[in-house]
């Protein structure tokens, strides 16, 4: 799902690695951040290593976990929730972009997945 009013990026242009918890010096540029807005059960089945998980409904209450200077890539299962999240984040001053095709595209592209059982991590 895409929207002409929401910036989006194809899966091939999304950085290969993320580390939401990586410490950095104040003088270092902000890292790219993959924000996964899926529900908890979807996250447990399989997600991108290093992604930050904030279910869509919790995004407004957890803005303090996001860095205004980071490149924020928003991902969900296929794109519907990402549209909503990107629109909201932009309305409060973040620069965010939706990942086209979501985690389904991530898995189809052969990107790494981890989950509660890393040997069987999956999205679909």
PDB file of N, CA and C in Angstrom:
ATOM      1  N   UNK A   1       0.849  -1.168   0.000  1.00  0.00           N
ATOM      2  CA  UNK A   1       0.000   0.000   0.000  1.00  0.00           C
ATOM      3  C   UNK A   1       0.897   1.234   0.000  1.00  0.00           C
ATOM      4  N   UNK A   2       0.582   2.184  -0.858  1.00  0.00           N
ATOM      5  CA  UNK A   2       1.315   3.438  -0.881  1.00  0.00           C
ATOM      6  C   UNK A   2       0.322   4.586  -0.908  1.00  0.00           C
ATOM      7  N   UNK A   3       0.815   5.763  -0.643  1.00  0.00           N
ATOM      8  CA  UNK A   3      -0.003   6.966  -0.679  1.00  0.00           C
ATOM      9  C   UNK A   3       0.806   8.051  -1.363  1.00  0.00           C
ATOM     10  N   UNK A   4       0.205   8.812  -2.266  1.00  0.00           N
ATOM     11  CA  UNK A   4       0.963   9.855  -2.957  1.00  0.00           C
ATOM     12  C   UNK A   4       1.415  10.978  -2.020  1.00  0.00           C
ATOM     13  N   UNK A   5       0.853  11.040  -0.827  1.00  0.00           N
ATOM     14  CA  UNK A   5       1.183  12.107   0.114  1.00  0.00           C
ATOM     15  C   UNK A   5       2.199  11.681   1.172  1.00  0.00           C
ATOM     16  N   UNK A   6       2.674  10.440   1.064  1.00  0.00           N
ATOM     17  CA  UNK A   6       3.614   9.918   2.048  1.00  0.00           C
ATOM     18  C   UNK A   6       4.892   9.498   1.330  1.00  0.00           C
ATOM     19  N   UNK A   7       6.037  10.026   1.769  1.00  0.00           N
ATOM     20  CA  UNK A   7       7.288   9.604   1.135  1.00  0.00           C
ATOM     21  C   UNK A   7       7.524   8.117   1.383  1.00  0.00           C
ATOM     22  N   UNK A   8       7.964   7.436   0.329  1.00  0.00           N
ATOM     23  CA  UNK A   8       8.218   6.006   0.466  1.00  0.00           C
ATOM     24  C   UNK A   8       9.519   5.646  -0.234  1.00  0.00           C
ATOM     25  N   UNK A   9      10.011   4.455   0.093  1.00  0.00           N
ATOM     26  CA  UNK A   9      11.276   3.991  -0.449  1.00  0.00           C
ATOM     27  C   UNK A   9      11.153   2.493  -0.724  1.00  0.00           C
ATOM     28  N   UNK A  10      11.684   2.039  -1.856  1.00  0.00           N
ATOM     29  CA  UNK A  10      11.641   0.593  -2.118  1.00  0.00           C
ATOM     30  C   UNK A  10      12.597  -0.153  -1.192  1.00  0.00           C
ATOM     31  N   UNK A  11      12.298  -1.402  -0.956  1.00  0.00           N
ATOM     32  CA  UNK A  11      13.081  -2.218  -0.030  1.00  0.00           C
ATOM     33  C   UNK A  11      14.563  -2.235  -0.404  1.00  0.00           C
ATOM     34  N   UNK A  12      14.872  -2.179  -1.679  1.00  0.00           N
ATOM     35  CA  UNK A  12      16.263  -2.236  -2.129  1.00  0.00           C
ATOM     36  C   UNK A  12      17.077  -1.027  -1.687  1.00  0.00           C
ATOM     37  N   UNK A  13      16.421   0.068  -1.354  1.00  0.00           N
ATOM     38  CA  UNK A  13      17.120   1.285  -0.951  1.00  0.00           C
ATOM     39  C   UNK A  13      17.188   1.478   0.565  1.00  0.00           C
ATOM     40  N   UNK A  14      16.632   0.538   1.308  1.00  0.00           N
ATOM     41  CA  UNK A  14      16.668   0.612   2.773  1.00  0.00           C
ATOM     42  C   UNK A  14      18.036   0.107   3.234  1.00  0.00           C
ATOM     43  N   UNK A  15      18.688   0.822   4.167  1.00  0.00           N
ATOM     44  CA  UNK A  15      19.986   0.342   4.667  1.00  0.00           C
ATOM     45  C   UNK A  15      19.914  -1.108   5.124  1.00  0.00           C
ATOM     46  N   UNK A  16      21.021  -1.798   5.002  1.00  0.00           N
ATOM     47  CA  UNK A  16      21.060  -3.224   5.333  1.00  0.00           C
ATOM     48  C   UNK A  16      21.079  -3.492   6.828  1.00  0.00           C
ATOM     49  N   UNK A  17      21.625  -2.561   7.631  1.00  0.00           N
ATOM     50  CA  UNK A  17      21.761  -2.826   9.057  1.00  0.00           C
ATOM     51  C   UNK A  17      21.237  -1.674   9.891  1.00  0.00           C
ATOM     52  N   UNK A  18      20.664  -2.034  11.029  1.00  0.00           N
ATOM     53  CA  UNK A  18      20.160  -1.066  11.993  1.00  0.00           C
ATOM     54  C   UNK A  18      20.566  -1.531  13.375  1.00  0.00           C
ATOM     55  N   UNK A  19      20.718  -0.602  14.275  1.00  0.00           N
ATOM     56  CA  UNK A  19      20.946  -0.947  15.675  1.00  0.00           C
ATOM     57  C   UNK A  19      20.324   0.133  16.530  1.00  0.00           C
ATOM     58  N   UNK A  20      19.067  -0.065  16.887  1.00  0.00           N
ATOM     59  CA  UNK A  20      18.305   0.936  17.636  1.00  0.00           C
ATOM     60  C   UNK A  20      18.935   1.248  18.986  1.00  0.00           C
ATOM     61  N   UNK A  21      19.682   0.309  19.545  1.00  0.00           N
ATOM     62  CA  UNK A  21      20.235   0.506  20.881  1.00  0.00           C
ATOM     63  C   UNK A  21      21.688   0.972  20.879  1.00  0.00           C
ATOM     64  N   UNK A  22      22.270   1.176  19.705  1.00  0.00           N
ATOM     65  CA  UNK A  22      23.698   1.519  19.643  1.00  0.00           C
ATOM     66  C   UNK A  22      23.954   2.899  20.241  1.00  0.00           C
ATOM     67  N   UNK A  23      24.885   2.962  21.202  1.00  0.00           N
ATOM     68  CA  UNK A  23      25.240   4.274  21.750  1.00  0.00           C
ATOM     69  C   UNK A  23      26.061   5.048  20.723  1.00  0.00           C
ATOM     70  N   UNK A  24      25.994   6.375  20.782  1.00  0.00           N
ATOM     71  CA  UNK A  24      26.789   7.190  19.877  1.00  0.00           C
ATOM     72  C   UNK A  24      27.195   8.464  20.593  1.00  0.00           C
ATOM     73  N   UNK A  25      28.298   9.012  20.157  1.00  0.00           N
ATOM     74  CA  UNK A  25      28.764  10.277  20.721  1.00  0.00           C
ATOM     75  C   UNK A  25      27.887  11.407  20.187  1.00  0.00           C
ATOM     76  N   UNK A  26      27.794  12.476  20.938  1.00  0.00           N
ATOM     77  CA  UNK A  26      26.958  13.617  20.547  1.00  0.00           C
ATOM     78  C   UNK A  26      27.396  14.222  19.217  1.00  0.00           C
ATOM     79  N   UNK A  27      28.652  14.052  18.853  1.00  0.00           N
ATOM     80  CA  UNK A  27      29.151  14.632  17.606  1.00  0.00           C
ATOM     81  C   UNK A  27      28.945  13.722  16.403  1.00  0.00           C
ATOM     82  N   UNK A  28      28.545  12.469  16.616  1.00  0.00           N
ATOM     83  CA  UNK A  28      28.309  11.542  15.513  1.00  0.00           C
ATOM     84  C   UNK A  28      26.942  11.818  14.884  1.00  0.00           C
ATOM     85  N   UNK A  29      26.836  11.596  13.574  1.00  0.00           N
ATOM     86  CA  UNK A  29      25.519  11.762  12.955  1.00  0.00           C
ATOM     87  C   UNK A  29      24.547  10.703  13.491  1.00  0.00           C
ATOM     88  N   UNK A  30      23.298  11.051  13.524  1.00  0.00           N
ATOM     89  CA  UNK A  30      22.288  10.109  14.001  1.00  0.00           C
ATOM     90  C   UNK A  30      22.221   8.917  13.055  1.00  0.00           C
ATOM     91  N   UNK A  31      22.080   7.734  13.601  1.00  0.00           N
ATOM     92  CA  UNK A  31      21.993   6.548  12.752  1.00  0.00           C
ATOM     93  C   UNK A  31      20.628   6.458  12.078  1.00  0.00           C
ATOM     94  N   UNK A  32      20.564   5.640  11.061  1.00  0.00           N
ATOM     95  CA  UNK A  32      19.264   5.335  10.468  1.00  0.00           C
ATOM     96  C   UNK A  32      18.506   4.458  11.456  1.00  0.00           C
ATOM     97  N   UNK A  33      17.208   4.602  11.477  1.00  0.00           N
ATOM     98  CA  UNK A  33      16.367   3.861  12.408  1.00  0.00           C
ATOM     99  C   UNK A  33      15.255   3.176  11.633  1.00  0.00           C
ATOM    100  N   UNK A  34      15.094   1.887  11.848  1.00  0.00           N
ATOM    101  CA  UNK A  34      13.971   1.152  11.281  1.00  0.00           C
ATOM    102  C   UNK A  34      12.936   1.021  12.382  1.00  0.00           C
ATOM    103  N   UNK A  35      11.797   1.675  12.193  1.00  0.00           N
ATOM    104  CA  UNK A  35      10.717   1.664  13.175  1.00  0.00           C
ATOM    105  C   UNK A  35       9.637   0.694  12.714  1.00  0.00           C
ATOM    106  N   UNK A  36       9.460  -0.379  13.446  1.00  0.00           N
ATOM    107  CA  UNK A  36       8.482  -1.413  13.127  1.00  0.00           C
ATOM    108  C   UNK A  36       7.222  -1.122  13.939  1.00  0.00           C
ATOM    109  N   UNK A  37       6.111  -0.838  13.251  1.00  0.00           N
ATOM    110  CA  UNK A  37       4.879  -0.442  13.937  1.00  0.00           C
ATOM    111  C   UNK A  37       3.835  -1.564  13.972  1.00  0.00           C
ATOM    112  N   UNK A  38       4.262  -2.800  13.764  1.00  0.00           N
ATOM    113  CA  UNK A  38       3.341  -3.934  13.818  1.00  0.00           C
ATOM    114  C   UNK A  38       2.993  -4.279  15.265  1.00  0.00           C
ATOM    115  N   UNK A  39       2.034  -5.150  15.418  1.00  0.00           N
ATOM    116  CA  UNK A  39       1.608  -5.602  16.746  1.00  0.00           C
ATOM    117  C   UNK A  39       2.628  -6.577  17.336  1.00  0.00           C
ATOM    118  N   UNK A  40       2.533  -6.801  18.633  1.00  0.00           N
ATOM    119  CA  UNK A  40       3.490  -7.638  19.356  1.00  0.00           C
ATOM    120  C   UNK A  40       3.579  -9.050  18.784  1.00  0.00           C
ATOM    121  N   UNK A  41       2.450  -9.671  18.469  1.00  0.00           N
ATOM    122  CA  UNK A  41       2.492 -11.044  17.959  1.00  0.00           C
ATOM    123  C   UNK A  41       3.192 -11.112  16.602  1.00  0.00           C
ATOM    124  N   UNK A  42       3.011 -10.107  15.763  1.00  0.00           N
ATOM    125  CA  UNK A  42       3.703 -10.061  14.472  1.00  0.00           C
ATOM    126  C   UNK A  42       5.208  -9.895  14.675  1.00  0.00           C
ATOM    127  N   UNK A  43       5.588  -9.017  15.596  1.00  0.00           N
ATOM    128  CA  UNK A  43       6.987  -8.761  15.920  1.00  0.00           C
ATOM    129  C   UNK A  43       7.678 -10.051  16.385  1.00  0.00           C
ATOM    130  N   UNK A  44       7.016 -10.795  17.280  1.00  0.00           N
ATOM    131  CA  UNK A  44       7.618 -12.016  17.823  1.00  0.00           C
ATOM    132  C   UNK A  44       7.886 -13.061  16.745  1.00  0.00           C
ATOM    133  N   UNK A  45       7.020 -13.148  15.730  1.00  0.00           N
ATOM    134  CA  UNK A  45       7.206 -14.130  14.657  1.00  0.00           C
ATOM    135  C   UNK A  45       8.461 -13.843  13.840  1.00  0.00           C
ATOM    136  N   UNK A  46       8.703 -12.572  13.549  1.00  0.00           N
ATOM    137  CA  UNK A  46       9.880 -12.227  12.764  1.00  0.00           C
ATOM    138  C   UNK A  46       9.981 -10.741  12.536  1.00  0.00           C
ATOM    139  N   UNK A  47      11.200 -10.214  12.733  1.00  0.00           N
ATOM    140  CA  UNK A  47      11.441  -8.789  12.525  1.00  0.00           C
ATOM    141  C   UNK A  47      12.882  -8.579  12.091  1.00  0.00           C
ATOM    142  N   UNK A  48      13.156  -7.393  11.620  1.00  0.00           N
ATOM    143  CA  UNK A  48      14.507  -7.053  11.185  1.00  0.00           C
ATOM    144  C   UNK A  48      15.405  -6.876  12.403  1.00  0.00           C
ATOM    145  N   UNK A  49      16.591  -7.473  12.378  1.00  0.00           N
ATOM    146  CA  UNK A  49      17.526  -7.264  13.489  1.00  0.00           C
ATOM    147  C   UNK A  49      17.849  -5.773  13.625  1.00  0.00           C
ATOM    148  N   UNK A  50      17.848  -5.294  14.864  1.00  0.00           N
ATOM    149  CA  UNK A  50      18.187  -3.899  15.125  1.00  0.00           C
ATOM    150  C   UNK A  50      17.040  -2.924  14.992  1.00  0.00           C
ATOM    151  N   UNK A  51      15.861  -3.395  14.583  1.00  0.00           N
ATOM    152  CA  UNK A  51      14.700  -2.509  14.450  1.00  0.00           C
ATOM    153  C   UNK A  51      14.190  -2.111  15.833  1.00  0.00           C
ATOM    154  N   UNK A  52      13.540  -0.969  15.887  1.00  0.00           N
ATOM    155  CA  UNK A  52      12.870  -0.517  17.098  1.00  0.00           C
ATOM    156  C   UNK A  52      11.397  -0.845  16.956  1.00  0.00           C
ATOM    157  N   UNK A  53      10.832  -1.545  17.932  1.00  0.00           N
ATOM    158  CA  UNK A  53       9.426  -1.939  17.869  1.00  0.00           C
ATOM    159  C   UNK A  53       8.573  -1.012  18.718  1.00  0.00           C
ATOM    160  N   UNK A  54       7.690  -0.286  18.057  1.00  0.00           N
ATOM    161  CA  UNK A  54       6.673   0.512  18.741  1.00  0.00           C
ATOM    162  C   UNK A  54       5.373   0.297  17.975  1.00  0.00           C
ATOM    163  N   UNK A  55       4.432  -0.466  18.525  1.00  0.00           N
ATOM    164  CA  UNK A  55       3.161  -0.658  17.819  1.00  0.00           C
ATOM    165  C   UNK A  55       2.531   0.696  17.470  1.00  0.00           C
ATOM    166  N   UNK A  56       1.862   0.742  16.338  1.00  0.00           N
ATOM    167  CA  UNK A  56       1.302   1.996  15.834  1.00  0.00           C
ATOM    168  C   UNK A  56       0.528   2.760  16.896  1.00  0.00           C
ATOM    169  N   UNK A  57      -0.308   2.094  17.645  1.00  0.00           N
ATOM    170  CA  UNK A  57      -1.137   2.762  18.643  1.00  0.00           C
ATOM    171  C   UNK A  57      -0.301   3.437  19.734  1.00  0.00           C
ATOM    172  N   UNK A  58       0.925   2.962  19.950  1.00  0.00           N
ATOM    173  CA  UNK A  58       1.781   3.503  21.007  1.00  0.00           C
ATOM    174  C   UNK A  58       2.734   4.603  20.536  1.00  0.00           C
ATOM    175  N   UNK A  59       2.806   4.847  19.249  1.00  0.00           N
ATOM    176  CA  UNK A  59       3.774   5.818  18.729  1.00  0.00           C
ATOM    177  C   UNK A  59       3.646   7.192  19.404  1.00  0.00           C
ATOM    178  N   UNK A  60       2.453   7.784  19.502  1.00  0.00           N
ATOM    179  CA  UNK A  60       2.378   9.118  20.119  1.00  0.00           C
ATOM    180  C   UNK A  60       2.921   9.177  21.551  1.00  0.00           C
ATOM    181  N   UNK A  61       2.714   8.124  22.318  1.00  0.00           N
ATOM    182  CA  UNK A  61       3.162   8.109  23.716  1.00  0.00           C
ATOM    183  C   UNK A  61       4.647   7.790  23.860  1.00  0.00           C
ATOM    184  N   UNK A  62       5.285   7.324  22.782  1.00  0.00           N
ATOM    185  CA  UNK A  62       6.686   6.907  22.886  1.00  0.00           C
ATOM    186  C   UNK A  62       7.620   7.701  21.976  1.00  0.00           C
ATOM    187  N   UNK A  63       7.227   8.913  21.621  1.00  0.00           N
ATOM    188  CA  UNK A  63       8.059   9.753  20.747  1.00  0.00           C
ATOM    189  C   UNK A  63       9.440  10.009  21.324  1.00  0.00           C
ATOM    190  N   UNK A  64       9.558   9.988  22.651  1.00  0.00           N
ATOM    191  CA  UNK A  64      10.854  10.246  23.275  1.00  0.00           C
ATOM    192  C   UNK A  64      11.884   9.159  22.960  1.00  0.00           C
ATOM    193  N   UNK A  65      11.458   8.038  22.409  1.00  0.00           N
ATOM    194  CA  UNK A  65      12.376   6.976  22.009  1.00  0.00           C
ATOM    195  C   UNK A  65      12.951   7.193  20.615  1.00  0.00           C
ATOM    196  N   UNK A  66      12.441   8.207  19.927  1.00  0.00           N
ATOM    197  CA  UNK A  66      12.888   8.492  18.560  1.00  0.00           C
ATOM    198  C   UNK A  66      13.828   9.685  18.556  1.00  0.00           C
ATOM    199  N   UNK A  67      14.719   9.713  17.611  1.00  0.00           N
ATOM    200  CA  UNK A  67      15.696  10.791  17.466  1.00  0.00           C
ATOM    201  C   UNK A  67      15.265  11.679  16.302  1.00  0.00           C
ATOM    202  N   UNK A  68      15.056  12.966  16.574  1.00  0.00           N
ATOM    203  CA  UNK A  68      14.622  13.883  15.526  1.00  0.00           C
ATOM    204  C   UNK A  68      15.649  13.998  14.400  1.00  0.00           C
ATOM    205  N   UNK A  69      16.901  13.680  14.668  1.00  0.00           N
ATOM    206  CA  UNK A  69      17.944  13.787  13.657  1.00  0.00           C
ATOM    207  C   UNK A  69      18.155  12.503  12.859  1.00  0.00           C
ATOM    208  N   UNK A  70      17.552  11.404  13.283  1.00  0.00           N
ATOM    209  CA  UNK A  70      17.754  10.119  12.610  1.00  0.00           C
ATOM    210  C   UNK A  70      16.942  10.043  11.321  1.00  0.00           C
ATOM    211  N   UNK A  71      17.445   9.244  10.382  1.00  0.00           N
ATOM    212  CA  UNK A  71      16.658   8.875   9.216  1.00  0.00           C
ATOM    213  C   UNK A  71      15.735   7.759   9.696  1.00  0.00           C
ATOM    214  N   UNK A  72      14.421   7.992   9.662  1.00  0.00           N
ATOM    215  CA  UNK A  72      13.479   7.011  10.187  1.00  0.00           C
ATOM    216  C   UNK A  72      12.758   6.320   9.034  1.00  0.00           C
ATOM    217  N   UNK A  73      12.967   5.011   8.955  1.00  0.00           N
ATOM    218  CA  UNK A  73      12.291   4.167   7.979  1.00  0.00           C
ATOM    219  C   UNK A  73      11.196   3.440   8.732  1.00  0.00           C
ATOM    220  N   UNK A  74       9.943   3.620   8.313  1.00  0.00           N
ATOM    221  CA  UNK A  74       8.811   3.022   9.029  1.00  0.00           C
ATOM    222  C   UNK A  74       8.323   1.807   8.249  1.00  0.00           C
ATOM    223  N   UNK A  75       8.139   0.711   8.980  1.00  0.00           N
ATOM    224  CA  UNK A  75       7.745  -0.540   8.343  1.00  0.00           C
ATOM    225  C   UNK A  75       6.635  -1.211   9.139  1.00  0.00           C
ATOM    226  N   UNK A  76       5.724  -1.866   8.420  1.00  0.00           N
ATOM    227  CA  UNK A  76       4.698  -2.695   9.048  1.00  0.00           C
ATOM    228  C   UNK A  76       4.636  -3.988   8.235  1.00  0.00           C
ATOM    229  N   UNK A  77       3.523  -4.633   8.177  1.00  0.00           N
ATOM    230  CA  UNK A  77       3.465  -5.898   7.419  1.00  0.00           C
ATOM    231  C   UNK A  77       3.512  -5.633   5.914  1.00  0.00           C
ATOM    232  N   UNK A  78       2.613  -4.750   5.416  1.00  0.00           N
ATOM    233  CA  UNK A  78       2.577  -4.486   3.978  1.00  0.00           C
ATOM    234  C   UNK A  78       2.510  -3.011   3.624  1.00  0.00           C
ATOM    235  N   UNK A  79       2.262  -2.132   4.566  1.00  0.00           N
ATOM    236  CA  UNK A  79       2.288  -0.707   4.270  1.00  0.00           C
ATOM    237  C   UNK A  79       1.164   0.138   4.819  1.00  0.00           C
ATOM    238  N   UNK A  80       0.039  -0.442   5.167  1.00  0.00           N
ATOM    239  CA  UNK A  80      -1.096   0.347   5.638  1.00  0.00           C
ATOM    240  C   UNK A  80      -0.820   1.125   6.913  1.00  0.00           C
ATOM    241  N   UNK A  81      -0.280   0.483   7.913  1.00  0.00           N
ATOM    242  CA  UNK A  81       0.018   1.166   9.171  1.00  0.00           C
ATOM    243  C   UNK A  81       1.191   2.125   9.027  1.00  0.00           C
ATOM    244  N   UNK A  82       2.115   1.807   8.131  1.00  0.00           N
ATOM    245  CA  UNK A  82       3.263   2.692   7.907  1.00  0.00           C
ATOM    246  C   UNK A  82       2.822   4.049   7.372  1.00  0.00           C
ATOM    247  N   UNK A  83       1.824   4.066   6.501  1.00  0.00           N
ATOM    248  CA  UNK A  83       1.302   5.328   5.974  1.00  0.00           C
ATOM    249  C   UNK A  83       0.838   6.208   7.128  1.00  0.00           C
ATOM    250  N   UNK A  84       0.052   5.632   8.019  1.00  0.00           N
ATOM    251  CA  UNK A  84      -0.472   6.373   9.163  1.00  0.00           C
ATOM    252  C   UNK A  84       0.663   6.866  10.060  1.00  0.00           C
ATOM    253  N   UNK A  85       1.634   6.000  10.329  1.00  0.00           N
ATOM    254  CA  UNK A  85       2.745   6.376  11.204  1.00  0.00           C
ATOM    255  C   UNK A  85       3.576   7.496  10.597  1.00  0.00           C
ATOM    256  N   UNK A  86       3.886   7.414   9.314  1.00  0.00           N
ATOM    257  CA  UNK A  86       4.691   8.451   8.659  1.00  0.00           C
ATOM    258  C   UNK A  86       3.937   9.782   8.661  1.00  0.00           C
ATOM    259  N   UNK A  87       2.655   9.757   8.364  1.00  0.00           N
ATOM    260  CA  UNK A  87       1.868  10.992   8.389  1.00  0.00           C
ATOM    261  C   UNK A  87       1.915  11.619   9.779  1.00  0.00           C
ATOM    262  N   UNK A  88       1.743  10.816  10.821  1.00  0.00           N
ATOM    263  CA  UNK A  88       1.778  11.345  12.176  1.00  0.00           C
ATOM    264  C   UNK A  88       3.164  11.881  12.516  1.00  0.00           C
ATOM    265  N   UNK A  89       4.202  11.111  12.251  1.00  0.00           N
ATOM    266  CA  UNK A  89       5.562  11.544  12.584  1.00  0.00           C
ATOM    267  C   UNK A  89       5.920  12.846  11.881  1.00  0.00           C
ATOM    268  N   UNK A  90       5.538  12.977  10.625  1.00  0.00           N
ATOM    269  CA  UNK A  90       5.804  14.229   9.914  1.00  0.00           C
ATOM    270  C   UNK A  90       5.042  15.395  10.535  1.00  0.00           C
ATOM    271  N   UNK A  91       3.835  15.130  11.031  1.00  0.00           N
ATOM    272  CA  UNK A  91       3.026  16.206  11.618  1.00  0.00           C
ATOM    273  C   UNK A  91       3.619  16.746  12.918  1.00  0.00           C
ATOM    274  N   UNK A  92       4.480  15.945  13.568  1.00  0.00           N
ATOM    275  CA  UNK A  92       5.097  16.394  14.823  1.00  0.00           C
ATOM    276  C   UNK A  92       6.590  16.692  14.656  1.00  0.00           C
ATOM    277  N   UNK A  93       7.040  16.808  13.412  1.00  0.00           N
ATOM    278  CA  UNK A  93       8.391  17.284  13.158  1.00  0.00           C
ATOM    279  C   UNK A  93       9.471  16.288  12.810  1.00  0.00           C
ATOM    280  N   UNK A  94       9.138  15.030  12.683  1.00  0.00           N
ATOM    281  CA  UNK A  94      10.130  14.033  12.277  1.00  0.00           C
ATOM    282  C   UNK A  94      10.167  13.938  10.757  1.00  0.00           C
ATOM    283  N   UNK A  95      11.316  13.525  10.238  1.00  0.00           N
ATOM    284  CA  UNK A  95      11.414  13.169   8.827  1.00  0.00           C
ATOM    285  C   UNK A  95      11.386  11.653   8.770  1.00  0.00           C
ATOM    286  N   UNK A  96      10.339  11.131   8.178  1.00  0.00           N
ATOM    287  CA  UNK A  96      10.167   9.685   8.132  1.00  0.00           C
ATOM    288  C   UNK A  96       9.764   9.266   6.727  1.00  0.00           C
ATOM    289  N   UNK A  97      10.072   8.035   6.396  1.00  0.00           N
ATOM    290  CA  UNK A  97       9.741   7.483   5.093  1.00  0.00           C
ATOM    291  C   UNK A  97       9.190   6.077   5.285  1.00  0.00           C
ATOM    292  N   UNK A  98       8.207   5.733   4.486  1.00  0.00           N
ATOM    293  CA  UNK A  98       7.569   4.429   4.538  1.00  0.00           C
ATOM    294  C   UNK A  98       8.354   3.440   3.679  1.00  0.00           C
ATOM    295  N   UNK A  99       8.506   2.220   4.158  1.00  0.00           N
ATOM    296  CA  UNK A  99       9.161   1.166   3.388  1.00  0.00           C
ATOM    297  C   UNK A  99       8.098   0.457   2.558  1.00  0.00           C
ATOM    298  N   UNK A 100       8.194   0.591   1.228  1.00  0.00           N
ATOM    299  CA  UNK A 100       7.229  -0.047   0.324  1.00  0.00           C
ATOM    300  C   UNK A 100       7.198  -1.555   0.520  1.00  0.00           C
ATOM    301  N   UNK A 101       6.010  -2.099   0.638  1.00  0.00           N
ATOM    302  CA  UNK A 101       5.856  -3.545   0.739  1.00  0.00           C
ATOM    303  C   UNK A 101       6.061  -4.114   2.127  1.00  0.00           C
ATOM    304  N   UNK A 102       6.541  -3.297   3.056  1.00  0.00           N
ATOM    305  CA  UNK A 102       6.685  -3.700   4.442  1.00  0.00           C
ATOM    306  C   UNK A 102       7.548  -4.921   4.671  1.00  0.00           C
ATOM    307  N   UNK A 103       7.257  -5.614   5.755  1.00  0.00           N
ATOM    308  CA  UNK A 103       8.039  -6.785   6.132  1.00  0.00           C
ATOM    309  C   UNK A 103       7.835  -7.946   5.174  1.00  0.00           C
ATOM    310  N   UNK A 104       6.727  -7.971   4.457  1.00  0.00           N
ATOM    311  CA  UNK A 104       6.546  -9.001   3.430  1.00  0.00           C
ATOM    312  C   UNK A 104       7.614  -8.816   2.356  1.00  0.00           C
ATOM    313  N   UNK A 105       7.814  -7.584   1.907  1.00  0.00           N
ATOM    314  CA  UNK A 105       8.865  -7.302   0.920  1.00  0.00           C
ATOM    315  C   UNK A 105      10.241  -7.572   1.510  1.00  0.00           C
ATOM    316  N   UNK A 106      10.423  -7.259   2.790  1.00  0.00           N
ATOM    317  CA  UNK A 106      11.694  -7.510   3.473  1.00  0.00           C
ATOM    318  C   UNK A 106      12.048  -8.999   3.390  1.00  0.00           C
ATOM    319  N   UNK A 107      11.092  -9.858   3.755  1.00  0.00           N
ATOM    320  CA  UNK A 107      11.342 -11.295   3.727  1.00  0.00           C
ATOM    321  C   UNK A 107      11.549 -11.777   2.294  1.00  0.00           C
ATOM    322  N   UNK A 108      10.727 -11.327   1.365  1.00  0.00           N
ATOM    323  CA  UNK A 108      10.867 -11.749  -0.038  1.00  0.00           C
ATOM    324  C   UNK A 108      12.218 -11.359  -0.627  1.00  0.00           C
ATOM    325  N   UNK A 109      12.772 -10.234  -0.155  1.00  0.00           N
ATOM    326  CA  UNK A 109      14.069  -9.768  -0.649  1.00  0.00           C
ATOM    327  C   UNK A 109      15.228 -10.531  -0.004  1.00  0.00           C
ATOM    328  N   UNK A 110      14.920 -11.419   0.936  1.00  0.00           N
ATOM    329  CA  UNK A 110      15.958 -12.207   1.580  1.00  0.00           C
ATOM    330  C   UNK A 110      16.711 -11.466   2.665  1.00  0.00           C
ATOM    331  N   UNK A 111      16.116 -10.365   3.159  1.00  0.00           N
ATOM    332  CA  UNK A 111      16.746  -9.618   4.246  1.00  0.00           C
ATOM    333  C   UNK A 111      16.708 -10.455   5.524  1.00  0.00           C
ATOM    334  N   UNK A 112      17.648 -10.230   6.452  1.00  0.00           N
ATOM    335  CA  UNK A 112      17.689 -11.048   7.667  1.00  0.00           C
ATOM    336  C   UNK A 112      16.463 -10.837   8.558  1.00  0.00           C
ATOM    337  N   UNK A 113      16.071 -11.916   9.209  1.00  0.00           N
ATOM    338  CA  UNK A 113      14.951 -11.898  10.151  1.00  0.00           C
ATOM    339  C   UNK A 113      15.380 -12.558  11.448  1.00  0.00           C
ATOM    340  N   UNK A 114      14.828 -12.070  12.524  1.00  0.00           N
ATOM    341  CA  UNK A 114      15.005 -12.703  13.823  1.00  0.00           C
ATOM    342  C   UNK A 114      13.645 -12.669  14.507  1.00  0.00           C
ATOM    343  N   UNK A 115      13.471 -13.500  15.501  1.00  0.00           N
ATOM    344  CA  UNK A 115      12.202 -13.547  16.227  1.00  0.00           C
ATOM    345  C   UNK A 115      12.368 -14.320  17.508  1.00  0.00           C
ATOM    346  N   UNK A 116      11.256 -14.738  18.105  1.00  0.00           N
ATOM    347  CA  UNK A 116      11.338 -15.532  19.326  1.00  0.00           C
ATOM    348  C   UNK A 116      12.119 -16.817  19.081  1.00  0.00           C
ATOM    349  N   UNK A 117      11.972 -17.383  17.907  1.00  0.00           N
ATOM    350  CA  UNK A 117      12.731 -18.564  17.512  1.00  0.00           C
ATOM    351  C   UNK A 117      13.476 -18.203  16.224  1.00  0.00           C
ATOM    352  N   UNK A 118      14.710 -17.683  16.327  1.00  0.00           N
ATOM    353  CA  UNK A 118      15.443 -17.199  15.154  1.00  0.00           C
ATOM    354  C   UNK A 118      15.585 -18.216  14.025  1.00  0.00           C
ATOM    355  N   UNK A 119      15.562 -19.530  14.357  1.00  0.00           N
ATOM    356  CA  UNK A 119      15.662 -20.547  13.307  1.00  0.00           C
ATOM    357  C   UNK A 119      14.431 -20.579  12.424  1.00  0.00           C
ATOM    358  N   UNK A 120      13.301 -20.101  12.938  1.00  0.00           N
ATOM    359  CA  UNK A 120      12.053 -20.147  12.186  1.00  0.00           C
ATOM    360  C   UNK A 120      11.419 -18.756  12.045  1.00  0.00           C
ATOM    361  N   UNK A 121      12.206 -17.706  12.144  1.00  0.00           N
ATOM    362  CA  UNK A 121      11.655 -16.360  12.020  1.00  0.00           C
ATOM    363  C   UNK A 121      11.017 -16.191  10.655  1.00  0.00           C
ATOM    364  N   UNK A 122       9.837 -15.585  10.634  1.00  0.00           N
ATOM    365  CA  UNK A 122       9.117 -15.376   9.385  1.00  0.00           C
ATOM    366  C   UNK A 122       8.119 -14.253   9.531  1.00  0.00           C
ATOM    367  N   UNK A 123       7.666 -13.766   8.391  1.00  0.00           N
ATOM    368  CA  UNK A 123       6.629 -12.739   8.375  1.00  0.00           C
ATOM    369  C   UNK A 123       5.334 -13.343   7.850  1.00  0.00           C
ATOM    370  N   UNK A 124       5.440 -14.195   6.870  1.00  0.00           N
ATOM    371  CA  UNK A 124       4.261 -14.840   6.265  1.00  0.00           C
ATOM    372  C   UNK A 124       4.510 -16.309   6.068  1.00  0.00           C
TER     373      UNK A 124
END
